[in-house]
Amino acid sequence: MAKKKAFLLRLDPVVLESLQRWAADDLRSANAQAEFLLRRALHSAGRLNDRNVPAAENGEE
């Protein structure tokens, strides 16, 4: 598994609660859900070069 960097993120409580509910629905942690959504947005915007990232780590299942 690739090394991960810690990153502090401050969220509005309503946003965090919504993220946590969505994560639970998808059987993920809130952290994993946030990373999944960020990766998907970055990929859609053409800002993520994930050619060298294994599918399990780039949000694809």
C-alpha atoms as a PDB file:
ATOM      1  CA  MET A   1       0.000   0.000   0.000  1.00  0.00           C
ATOM      2  CA  ALA A   2       1.233   3.454  -0.855  1.00  0.00           C
ATOM      3  CA  LYS A   3       2.167   5.813   1.938  1.00  0.00           C
ATOM      4  CA  LYS A   4      -0.515   8.319   2.818  1.00  0.00           C
ATOM      5  CA  LYS A   5      -0.005  11.851   4.093  1.00  0.00           C
ATOM      6  CA  ALA A   6      -2.077  13.271   6.917  1.00  0.00           C
ATOM      7  CA  PHE A   7      -4.131  16.337   6.069  1.00  0.00           C
ATOM      8  CA  LEU A   8      -6.287  18.343   8.446  1.00  0.00           C
ATOM      9  CA  LEU A   9      -9.637  19.299   6.937  1.00  0.00           C
ATOM     10  CA  ARG A  10     -12.158  21.513   8.662  1.00  0.00           C
ATOM     11  CA  LEU A  11     -15.740  20.936   7.543  1.00  0.00           C
ATOM     12  CA  ASP A  12     -19.053  22.490   8.339  1.00  0.00           C
ATOM     13  CA  PRO A  13     -20.837  20.098  10.746  1.00  0.00           C
ATOM     14  CA  VAL A  14     -23.726  19.599   8.298  1.00  0.00           C
ATOM     15  CA  VAL A  15     -21.309  18.670   5.505  1.00  0.00           C
ATOM     16  CA  LEU A  16     -19.456  16.252   7.784  1.00  0.00           C
ATOM     17  CA  GLU A  17     -22.679  14.598   8.915  1.00  0.00           C
ATOM     18  CA  SER A  18     -23.816  14.190   5.316  1.00  0.00           C
ATOM     19  CA  LEU A  19     -20.430  12.747   4.342  1.00  0.00           C
ATOM     20  CA  GLN A  20     -20.548  10.294   7.234  1.00  0.00           C
ATOM     21  CA  ARG A  21     -24.050   9.109   6.266  1.00  0.00           C
ATOM     22  CA  TRP A  22     -22.995   8.684   2.635  1.00  0.00           C
ATOM     23  CA  ALA A  23     -19.869   6.806   3.707  1.00  0.00           C
ATOM     24  CA  ALA A  24     -21.933   4.461   5.891  1.00  0.00           C
ATOM     25  CA  ASP A  25     -24.279   3.795   2.962  1.00  0.00           C
ATOM     26  CA  ASP A  26     -21.250   2.868   0.825  1.00  0.00           C
ATOM     27  CA  LEU A  27     -19.607   0.840   3.631  1.00  0.00           C
ATOM     28  CA  ARG A  28     -16.622   3.197   3.801  1.00  0.00           C
ATOM     29  CA  SER A  29     -15.106   5.360   6.489  1.00  0.00           C
ATOM     30  CA  ALA A  30     -15.685   9.094   6.168  1.00  0.00           C
ATOM     31  CA  ASN A  31     -11.998   9.474   5.308  1.00  0.00           C
ATOM     32  CA  ALA A  32     -12.170   6.850   2.554  1.00  0.00           C
ATOM     33  CA  GLN A  33     -15.360   8.420   1.200  1.00  0.00           C
ATOM     34  CA  ALA A  34     -13.776  11.879   1.092  1.00  0.00           C
ATOM     35  CA  GLU A  35     -10.725  10.499  -0.739  1.00  0.00           C
ATOM     36  CA  PHE A  36     -12.952   8.575  -3.168  1.00  0.00           C
ATOM     37  CA  LEU A  37     -14.959  11.716  -3.970  1.00  0.00           C
ATOM     38  CA  LEU A  38     -11.842  13.878  -4.324  1.00  0.00           C
ATOM     39  CA  ARG A  39     -10.204  11.336  -6.650  1.00  0.00           C
ATOM     40  CA  ARG A  40     -13.360  11.112  -8.764  1.00  0.00           C
ATOM     41  CA  ALA A  41     -13.594  14.914  -9.030  1.00  0.00           C
ATOM     42  CA  LEU A  42      -9.889  15.262  -9.849  1.00  0.00           C
ATOM     43  CA  HIS A  43     -10.100  12.538 -12.483  1.00  0.00           C
ATOM     44  CA  SER A  44     -13.208  14.113 -14.072  1.00  0.00           C
ATOM     45  CA  ALA A  45     -11.438  17.485 -14.202  1.00  0.00           C
ATOM     46  CA  GLY A  46      -8.373  15.925 -15.832  1.00  0.00           C
ATOM     47  CA  ARG A  47      -6.199  16.881 -12.881  1.00  0.00           C
ATOM     48  CA  LEU A  48      -5.252  13.419 -11.638  1.00  0.00           C
ATOM     49  CA  ASN A  49      -2.625  11.373 -13.409  1.00  0.00           C
ATOM     50  CA  ASP A  50      -3.507   7.939 -12.047  1.00  0.00           C
ATOM     51  CA  ARG A  51      -1.769   5.741 -14.615  1.00  0.00           C
ATOM     52  CA  ASN A  52       0.583   4.440 -11.917  1.00  0.00           C
ATOM     53  CA  VAL A  53      -2.019   4.112  -9.143  1.00  0.00           C
ATOM     54  CA  PRO A  54      -3.555   0.642  -8.644  1.00  0.00           C
ATOM     55  CA  ALA A  55      -7.340   0.478  -9.172  1.00  0.00           C
ATOM     56  CA  ALA A  56      -7.978  -0.275  -5.473  1.00  0.00           C
ATOM     57  CA  GLU A  57      -6.225   2.978  -4.538  1.00  0.00           C
ATOM     58  CA  ASN A  58      -7.741   5.263  -7.169  1.00  0.00           C
ATOM     59  CA  GLY A  59     -11.360   4.729  -6.160  1.00  0.00           C
ATOM     60  CA  GLU A  60     -12.217   2.134  -8.800  1.00  0.00           C
ATOM     61  CA  GLU A  61     -13.747  -1.083  -7.609  1.00  0.00           C
END
